[in-house]
Every structure is written in C-alpha cells, then in structure tokens.
Amino acid sequence: MADSKMVKNGKVMDAGAVAEKGYQGFLRGDTIIIPGRLNRIRVLMPRLLPRKLMTRMIRSMQDLEKELLYRS
C-alpha cells in the first residue's frame, strides 16, 4: 500500500497518524472520531446534498468500482 499513488501524494493518512488521532479522541471522551478534513467532508455530504444527487454519485462510484474489479 505504501507504493500506491494515493499514499505517495498524501491523499491517504498514515495508519499511525489515524491511530494517534483515534487515541487522542478516545482520551478526550469523544464518541465519534473522524480523522482528516476530507473524511469529515465526506461524512457531512449526505446531509448537505440533495438525495437525488447523492444517489447518482454513489451509483457512479459503485459502477467504477465494479468495472475495476472485473478488469483484474
């Protein structure tokens, strides 16, 4: 995984950083811990965007994932 483009470009948090954020949140007594700004935005998107748009976005992501799965 360390060789993937997403990790090299800094788009994916290091496992140690995620664990550290989670542990810090645990010590503060947080019930839900979402490390990373982009992840927080992704969690909020369904609340902010119209359902029809979210449905289309999820459908296109699933179709892409299915296509990539069948290529392998």
PDB file of N, CA and C in Angstrom:
ATOM      1  N   MET A   1       0.829  -1.194   0.000  1.00  0.00           N
ATOM      2  CA  MET A   1       0.000   0.000   0.000  1.00  0.00           C
ATOM      3  C   MET A   1       0.869   1.252   0.000  1.00  0.00           C
ATOM      4  N   ALA A   2       2.026   1.188   0.616  1.00  0.00           N
ATOM      5  CA  ALA A   2       2.901   2.355   0.690  1.00  0.00           C
ATOM      6  C   ALA A   2       3.368   2.795  -0.689  1.00  0.00           C
ATOM      7  N   ASP A   3       3.299   1.907  -1.680  1.00  0.00           N
ATOM      8  CA  ASP A   3       3.724   2.250  -3.028  1.00  0.00           C
ATOM      9  C   ASP A   3       2.613   2.855  -3.877  1.00  0.00           C
ATOM     10  N   SER A   4       1.380   2.890  -3.367  1.00  0.00           N
ATOM     11  CA  SER A   4       0.269   3.397  -4.179  1.00  0.00           C
ATOM     12  C   SER A   4       0.377   4.915  -4.357  1.00  0.00           C
ATOM     13  N   LYS A   5      -0.191   5.414  -5.445  1.00  0.00           N
ATOM     14  CA  LYS A   5      -0.132   6.845  -5.757  1.00  0.00           C
ATOM     15  C   LYS A   5      -0.832   7.682  -4.693  1.00  0.00           C
ATOM     16  N   MET A   6      -1.939   7.163  -4.148  1.00  0.00           N
ATOM     17  CA  MET A   6      -2.688   7.933  -3.153  1.00  0.00           C
ATOM     18  C   MET A   6      -1.855   8.169  -1.900  1.00  0.00           C
ATOM     19  N   VAL A   7      -1.098   7.173  -1.480  1.00  0.00           N
ATOM     20  CA  VAL A   7      -0.265   7.319  -0.286  1.00  0.00           C
ATOM     21  C   VAL A   7       0.900   8.256  -0.571  1.00  0.00           C
ATOM     22  N   LYS A   8       1.520   8.083  -1.727  1.00  0.00           N
ATOM     23  CA  LYS A   8       2.659   8.937  -2.080  1.00  0.00           C
ATOM     24  C   LYS A   8       2.253  10.400  -2.232  1.00  0.00           C
ATOM     25  N   ASN A   9       1.046  10.650  -2.743  1.00  0.00           N
ATOM     26  CA  ASN A   9       0.573  12.023  -2.926  1.00  0.00           C
ATOM     27  C   ASN A   9       0.030  12.628  -1.643  1.00  0.00           C
ATOM     28  N   GLY A  10      -0.023  11.855  -0.577  1.00  0.00           N
ATOM     29  CA  GLY A  10      -0.511  12.370   0.694  1.00  0.00           C
ATOM     30  C   GLY A  10      -2.022  12.399   0.798  1.00  0.00           C
ATOM     31  N   LYS A  11      -2.726  11.670  -0.064  1.00  0.00           N
ATOM     32  CA  LYS A  11      -4.182  11.672  -0.032  1.00  0.00           C
ATOM     33  C   LYS A  11      -4.733  10.694   0.995  1.00  0.00           C
ATOM     34  N   VAL A  12      -3.903   9.784   1.462  1.00  0.00           N
ATOM     35  CA  VAL A  12      -4.325   8.800   2.462  1.00  0.00           C
ATOM     36  C   VAL A  12      -3.468   9.018   3.702  1.00  0.00           C
ATOM     37  N   MET A  13      -4.141   9.060   4.851  1.00  0.00           N
ATOM     38  CA  MET A  13      -3.403   9.252   6.101  1.00  0.00           C
ATOM     39  C   MET A  13      -2.635   7.988   6.452  1.00  0.00           C
ATOM     40  N   ASP A  14      -1.489   8.172   7.042  1.00  0.00           N
ATOM     41  CA  ASP A  14      -0.669   7.072   7.536  1.00  0.00           C
ATOM     42  C   ASP A  14      -1.426   6.370   8.669  1.00  0.00           C
ATOM     43  N   ALA A  15      -1.311   5.050   8.754  1.00  0.00           N
ATOM     44  CA  ALA A  15      -2.030   4.279   9.775  1.00  0.00           C
ATOM     45  C   ALA A  15      -1.681   4.750  11.182  1.00  0.00           C
ATOM     46  N   GLY A  16      -0.434   5.104  11.394  1.00  0.00           N
ATOM     47  CA  GLY A  16      -0.016   5.592  12.707  1.00  0.00           C
ATOM     48  C   GLY A  16      -0.686   6.909  13.068  1.00  0.00           C
ATOM     49  N   ALA A  17      -0.833   7.792  12.068  1.00  0.00           N
ATOM     50  CA  ALA A  17      -1.482   9.084  12.305  1.00  0.00           C
ATOM     51  C   ALA A  17      -2.960   8.884  12.630  1.00  0.00           C
ATOM     52  N   VAL A  18      -3.606   7.952  11.922  1.00  0.00           N
ATOM     53  CA  VAL A  18      -5.015   7.666  12.185  1.00  0.00           C
ATOM     54  C   VAL A  18      -5.184   7.097  13.596  1.00  0.00           C
ATOM     55  N   ALA A  19      -4.295   6.173  13.962  1.00  0.00           N
ATOM     56  CA  ALA A  19      -4.356   5.581  15.301  1.00  0.00           C
ATOM     57  C   ALA A  19      -4.139   6.642  16.371  1.00  0.00           C
ATOM     58  N   GLU A  20      -3.194   7.538  16.134  1.00  0.00           N
ATOM     59  CA  GLU A  20      -2.909   8.607  17.102  1.00  0.00           C
ATOM     60  C   GLU A  20      -4.121   9.522  17.275  1.00  0.00           C
ATOM     61  N   LYS A  21      -4.741   9.923  16.168  1.00  0.00           N
ATOM     62  CA  LYS A  21      -5.939  10.776  16.238  1.00  0.00           C
ATOM     63  C   LYS A  21      -7.061  10.057  16.991  1.00  0.00           C
ATOM     64  N   GLY A  22      -7.222   8.774  16.691  1.00  0.00           N
ATOM     65  CA  GLY A  22      -8.251   7.993  17.371  1.00  0.00           C
ATOM     66  C   GLY A  22      -7.994   7.884  18.858  1.00  0.00           C
ATOM     67  N   TYR A  23      -6.753   7.656  19.224  1.00  0.00           N
ATOM     68  CA  TYR A  23      -6.395   7.536  20.633  1.00  0.00           C
ATOM     69  C   TYR A  23      -6.597   8.862  21.364  1.00  0.00           C
ATOM     70  N   GLN A  24      -6.189   9.958  20.735  1.00  0.00           N
ATOM     71  CA  GLN A  24      -6.386  11.279  21.346  1.00  0.00           C
ATOM     72  C   GLN A  24      -7.874  11.560  21.554  1.00  0.00           C
ATOM     73  N   GLY A  25      -8.689  11.218  20.568  1.00  0.00           N
ATOM     74  CA  GLY A  25     -10.128  11.395  20.699  1.00  0.00           C
ATOM     75  C   GLY A  25     -10.708  10.532  21.803  1.00  0.00           C
ATOM     76  N   PHE A  26     -10.212   9.305  21.907  1.00  0.00           N
ATOM     77  CA  PHE A  26     -10.641   8.394  22.966  1.00  0.00           C
ATOM     78  C   PHE A  26     -10.338   8.983  24.336  1.00  0.00           C
ATOM     79  N   LEU A  27      -9.135   9.534  24.492  1.00  0.00           N
ATOM     80  CA  LEU A  27      -8.750  10.126  25.771  1.00  0.00           C
ATOM     81  C   LEU A  27      -9.604  11.343  26.113  1.00  0.00           C
ATOM     82  N   ARG A  28     -10.045  12.079  25.095  1.00  0.00           N
ATOM     83  CA  ARG A  28     -10.928  13.233  25.324  1.00  0.00           C
ATOM     84  C   ARG A  28     -12.359  12.797  25.622  1.00  0.00           C
ATOM     85  N   GLY A  29     -12.669  11.533  25.345  1.00  0.00           N
ATOM     86  CA  GLY A  29     -14.021  11.048  25.589  1.00  0.00           C
ATOM     87  C   GLY A  29     -14.946  11.212  24.391  1.00  0.00           C
ATOM     88  N   ASP A  30     -14.363  11.459  23.217  1.00  0.00           N
ATOM     89  CA  ASP A  30     -15.172  11.606  22.011  1.00  0.00           C
ATOM     90  C   ASP A  30     -15.830  10.273  21.662  1.00  0.00           C
ATOM     91  N   THR A  31     -17.093  10.335  21.266  1.00  0.00           N
ATOM     92  CA  THR A  31     -17.811   9.128  20.876  1.00  0.00           C
ATOM     93  C   THR A  31     -17.497   8.752  19.438  1.00  0.00           C
ATOM     94  N   ILE A  32     -17.412   9.762  18.585  1.00  0.00           N
ATOM     95  CA  ILE A  32     -17.117   9.544  17.166  1.00  0.00           C
ATOM     96  C   ILE A  32     -15.866  10.325  16.809  1.00  0.00           C
ATOM     97  N   ILE A  33     -14.931   9.651  16.156  1.00  0.00           N
ATOM     98  CA  ILE A  33     -13.675  10.282  15.761  1.00  0.00           C
ATOM     99  C   ILE A  33     -13.495  10.069  14.271  1.00  0.00           C
ATOM    100  N   ILE A  34     -13.424  11.173  13.537  1.00  0.00           N
ATOM    101  CA  ILE A  34     -13.232  11.103  12.089  1.00  0.00           C
ATOM    102  C   ILE A  34     -11.963  11.885  11.763  1.00  0.00           C
ATOM    103  N   PRO A  35     -10.846  11.183  11.590  1.00  0.00           N
ATOM    104  CA  PRO A  35      -9.595  11.885  11.309  1.00  0.00           C
ATOM    105  C   PRO A  35      -9.522  12.362   9.863  1.00  0.00           C
ATOM    106  N   GLY A  36      -9.056  13.581   9.674  1.00  0.00           N
ATOM    107  CA  GLY A  36      -8.864  14.134   8.338  1.00  0.00           C
ATOM    108  C   GLY A  36     -10.018  15.002   7.878  1.00  0.00           C
ATOM    109  N   ARG A  37      -9.692  16.143   7.301  1.00  0.00           N
ATOM    110  CA  ARG A  37     -10.721  17.076   6.816  1.00  0.00           C
ATOM    111  C   ARG A  37     -11.569  16.485   5.708  1.00  0.00           C
ATOM    112  N   LEU A  38     -10.900  15.834   4.774  1.00  0.00           N
ATOM    113  CA  LEU A  38     -11.636  15.259   3.643  1.00  0.00           C
ATOM    114  C   LEU A  38     -12.623  14.199   4.116  1.00  0.00           C
ATOM    115  N   ASN A  39     -12.236  13.424   5.094  1.00  0.00           N
ATOM    116  CA  ASN A  39     -13.142  12.415   5.637  1.00  0.00           C
ATOM    117  C   ASN A  39     -14.340  13.060   6.328  1.00  0.00           C
ATOM    118  N   ARG A  40     -14.105  14.149   7.032  1.00  0.00           N
ATOM    119  CA  ARG A  40     -15.218  14.863   7.689  1.00  0.00           C
ATOM    120  C   ARG A  40     -16.191  15.415   6.654  1.00  0.00           C
ATOM    121  N   ILE A  41     -15.635  15.944   5.570  1.00  0.00           N
ATOM    122  CA  ILE A  41     -16.494  16.464   4.499  1.00  0.00           C
ATOM    123  C   ILE A  41     -17.320  15.339   3.896  1.00  0.00           C
ATOM    124  N   ARG A  42     -16.697  14.186   3.685  1.00  0.00           N
ATOM    125  CA  ARG A  42     -17.418  13.039   3.119  1.00  0.00           C
ATOM    126  C   ARG A  42     -18.555  12.587   4.021  1.00  0.00           C
ATOM    127  N   VAL A  43     -18.354  12.689   5.323  1.00  0.00           N
ATOM    128  CA  VAL A  43     -19.402  12.294   6.263  1.00  0.00           C
ATOM    129  C   VAL A  43     -20.560  13.290   6.222  1.00  0.00           C
ATOM    130  N   LEU A  44     -20.255  14.563   6.013  1.00  0.00           N
ATOM    131  CA  LEU A  44     -21.295  15.591   6.007  1.00  0.00           C
ATOM    132  C   LEU A  44     -22.045  15.689   4.673  1.00  0.00           C
ATOM    133  N   MET A  45     -21.448  15.216   3.600  1.00  0.00           N
ATOM    134  CA  MET A  45     -22.062  15.364   2.274  1.00  0.00           C
ATOM    135  C   MET A  45     -23.501  14.865   2.187  1.00  0.00           C
ATOM    136  N   PRO A  46     -23.822  13.685   2.702  1.00  0.00           N
ATOM    137  CA  PRO A  46     -25.214  13.235   2.596  1.00  0.00           C
ATOM    138  C   PRO A  46     -26.222  14.154   3.290  1.00  0.00           C
ATOM    139  N   ARG A  47     -25.771  14.879   4.295  1.00  0.00           N
ATOM    140  CA  ARG A  47     -26.666  15.811   4.988  1.00  0.00           C
ATOM    141  C   ARG A  47     -26.867  17.104   4.204  1.00  0.00           C
ATOM    142  N   LEU A  48     -25.869  17.467   3.409  1.00  0.00           N
ATOM    143  CA  LEU A  48     -25.903  18.757   2.732  1.00  0.00           C
ATOM    144  C   LEU A  48     -26.437  18.692   1.300  1.00  0.00           C
ATOM    145  N   LEU A  49     -26.181  17.593   0.619  1.00  0.00           N
ATOM    146  CA  LEU A  49     -26.554  17.484  -0.783  1.00  0.00           C
ATOM    147  C   LEU A  49     -27.931  16.846  -0.945  1.00  0.00           C
ATOM    148  N   PRO A  50     -28.631  17.199  -2.017  1.00  0.00           N
ATOM    149  CA  PRO A  50     -29.923  16.563  -2.282  1.00  0.00           C
ATOM    150  C   PRO A  50     -29.764  15.053  -2.474  1.00  0.00           C
ATOM    151  N   ARG A  51     -30.761  14.316  -2.056  1.00  0.00           N
ATOM    152  CA  ARG A  51     -30.714  12.861  -2.111  1.00  0.00           C
ATOM    153  C   ARG A  51     -30.500  12.343  -3.531  1.00  0.00           C
ATOM    154  N   LYS A  52     -31.149  12.981  -4.495  1.00  0.00           N
ATOM    155  CA  LYS A  52     -31.028  12.537  -5.885  1.00  0.00           C
ATOM    156  C   LYS A  52     -29.572  12.641  -6.369  1.00  0.00           C
ATOM    157  N   LEU A  53     -28.911  13.731  -6.014  1.00  0.00           N
ATOM    158  CA  LEU A  53     -27.510  13.919  -6.401  1.00  0.00           C
ATOM    159  C   LEU A  53     -26.619  12.886  -5.711  1.00  0.00           C
ATOM    160  N   MET A  54     -26.845  12.656  -4.414  1.00  0.00           N
ATOM    161  CA  MET A  54     -26.052  11.659  -3.690  1.00  0.00           C
ATOM    162  C   MET A  54     -26.237  10.276  -4.303  1.00  0.00           C
ATOM    163  N   THR A  55     -27.470   9.950  -4.681  1.00  0.00           N
ATOM    164  CA  THR A  55     -27.740   8.646  -5.286  1.00  0.00           C
ATOM    165  C   THR A  55     -26.954   8.483  -6.578  1.00  0.00           C
ATOM    166  N   ARG A  56     -26.941   9.517  -7.414  1.00  0.00           N
ATOM    167  CA  ARG A  56     -26.176   9.463  -8.669  1.00  0.00           C
ATOM    168  C   ARG A  56     -24.686   9.304  -8.402  1.00  0.00           C
ATOM    169  N   MET A  57     -24.171  10.052  -7.441  1.00  0.00           N
ATOM    170  CA  MET A  57     -22.742   9.988  -7.132  1.00  0.00           C
ATOM    171  C   MET A  57     -22.352   8.595  -6.647  1.00  0.00           C
ATOM    172  N   ILE A  58     -23.146   8.032  -5.762  1.00  0.00           N
ATOM    173  CA  ILE A  58     -22.839   6.704  -5.230  1.00  0.00           C
ATOM    174  C   ILE A  58     -22.936   5.663  -6.330  1.00  0.00           C
ATOM    175  N   ARG A  59     -23.939   5.799  -7.185  1.00  0.00           N
ATOM    176  CA  ARG A  59     -24.099   4.850  -8.299  1.00  0.00           C
ATOM    177  C   ARG A  59     -22.866   4.876  -9.201  1.00  0.00           C
ATOM    178  N   SER A  60     -22.384   6.079  -9.535  1.00  0.00           N
ATOM    179  CA  SER A  60     -21.223   6.165 -10.423  1.00  0.00           C
ATOM    180  C   SER A  60     -19.970   5.582  -9.750  1.00  0.00           C
ATOM    181  N   MET A  61     -19.828   5.786  -8.426  1.00  0.00           N
ATOM    182  CA  MET A  61     -18.687   5.208  -7.716  1.00  0.00           C
ATOM    183  C   MET A  61     -18.761   3.686  -7.711  1.00  0.00           C
ATOM    184  N   GLN A  62     -19.954   3.145  -7.514  1.00  0.00           N
ATOM    185  CA  GLN A  62     -20.117   1.695  -7.493  1.00  0.00           C
ATOM    186  C   GLN A  62     -19.867   1.103  -8.876  1.00  0.00           C
ATOM    187  N   ASP A  63     -20.340   1.786  -9.923  1.00  0.00           N
ATOM    188  CA  ASP A  63     -20.095   1.296 -11.276  1.00  0.00           C
ATOM    189  C   ASP A  63     -18.604   1.283 -11.590  1.00  0.00           C
ATOM    190  N   LEU A  64     -17.894   2.325 -11.177  1.00  0.00           N
ATOM    191  CA  LEU A  64     -16.456   2.397 -11.396  1.00  0.00           C
ATOM    192  C   LEU A  64     -15.747   1.283 -10.636  1.00  0.00           C
ATOM    193  N   GLU A  65     -16.161   1.065  -9.392  1.00  0.00           N
ATOM    194  CA  GLU A  65     -15.540   0.010  -8.585  1.00  0.00           C
ATOM    195  C   GLU A  65     -15.772  -1.359  -9.219  1.00  0.00           C
ATOM    196  N   LYS A  66     -16.989  -1.586  -9.703  1.00  0.00           N
ATOM    197  CA  LYS A  66     -17.314  -2.857 -10.343  1.00  0.00           C
ATOM    198  C   LYS A  66     -16.471  -3.048 -11.603  1.00  0.00           C
ATOM    199  N   GLU A  67     -16.311  -1.975 -12.368  1.00  0.00           N
ATOM    200  CA  GLU A  67     -15.513  -2.036 -13.606  1.00  0.00           C
ATOM    201  C   GLU A  67     -14.064  -2.368 -13.288  1.00  0.00           C
ATOM    202  N   LEU A  68     -13.520  -1.744 -12.260  1.00  0.00           N
ATOM    203  CA  LEU A  68     -12.132  -2.020 -11.870  1.00  0.00           C
ATOM    204  C   LEU A  68     -11.965  -3.437 -11.353  1.00  0.00           C
ATOM    205  N   LEU A  69     -12.984  -3.946 -10.673  1.00  0.00           N
ATOM    206  CA  LEU A  69     -12.942  -5.310 -10.160  1.00  0.00           C
ATOM    207  C   LEU A  69     -12.890  -6.321 -11.296  1.00  0.00           C
ATOM    208  N   TYR A  70     -13.683  -6.103 -12.334  1.00  0.00           N
ATOM    209  CA  TYR A  70     -13.749  -7.061 -13.430  1.00  0.00           C
ATOM    210  C   TYR A  70     -12.546  -6.974 -14.359  1.00  0.00           C
ATOM    211  N   ARG A  71     -11.812  -5.879 -14.309  1.00  0.00           N
ATOM    212  CA  ARG A  71     -10.595  -5.753 -15.148  1.00  0.00           C
ATOM    213  C   ARG A  71      -9.487  -6.657 -14.634  1.00  0.00           C
ATOM    214  N   SER A  72      -9.447  -6.853 -13.324  1.00  0.00           N
ATOM    215  CA  SER A  72      -8.360  -7.637 -12.718  1.00  0.00           C
ATOM    216  C   SER A  72      -8.423  -9.087 -13.072  1.00  0.00           C
TER     217      SER A  72
END
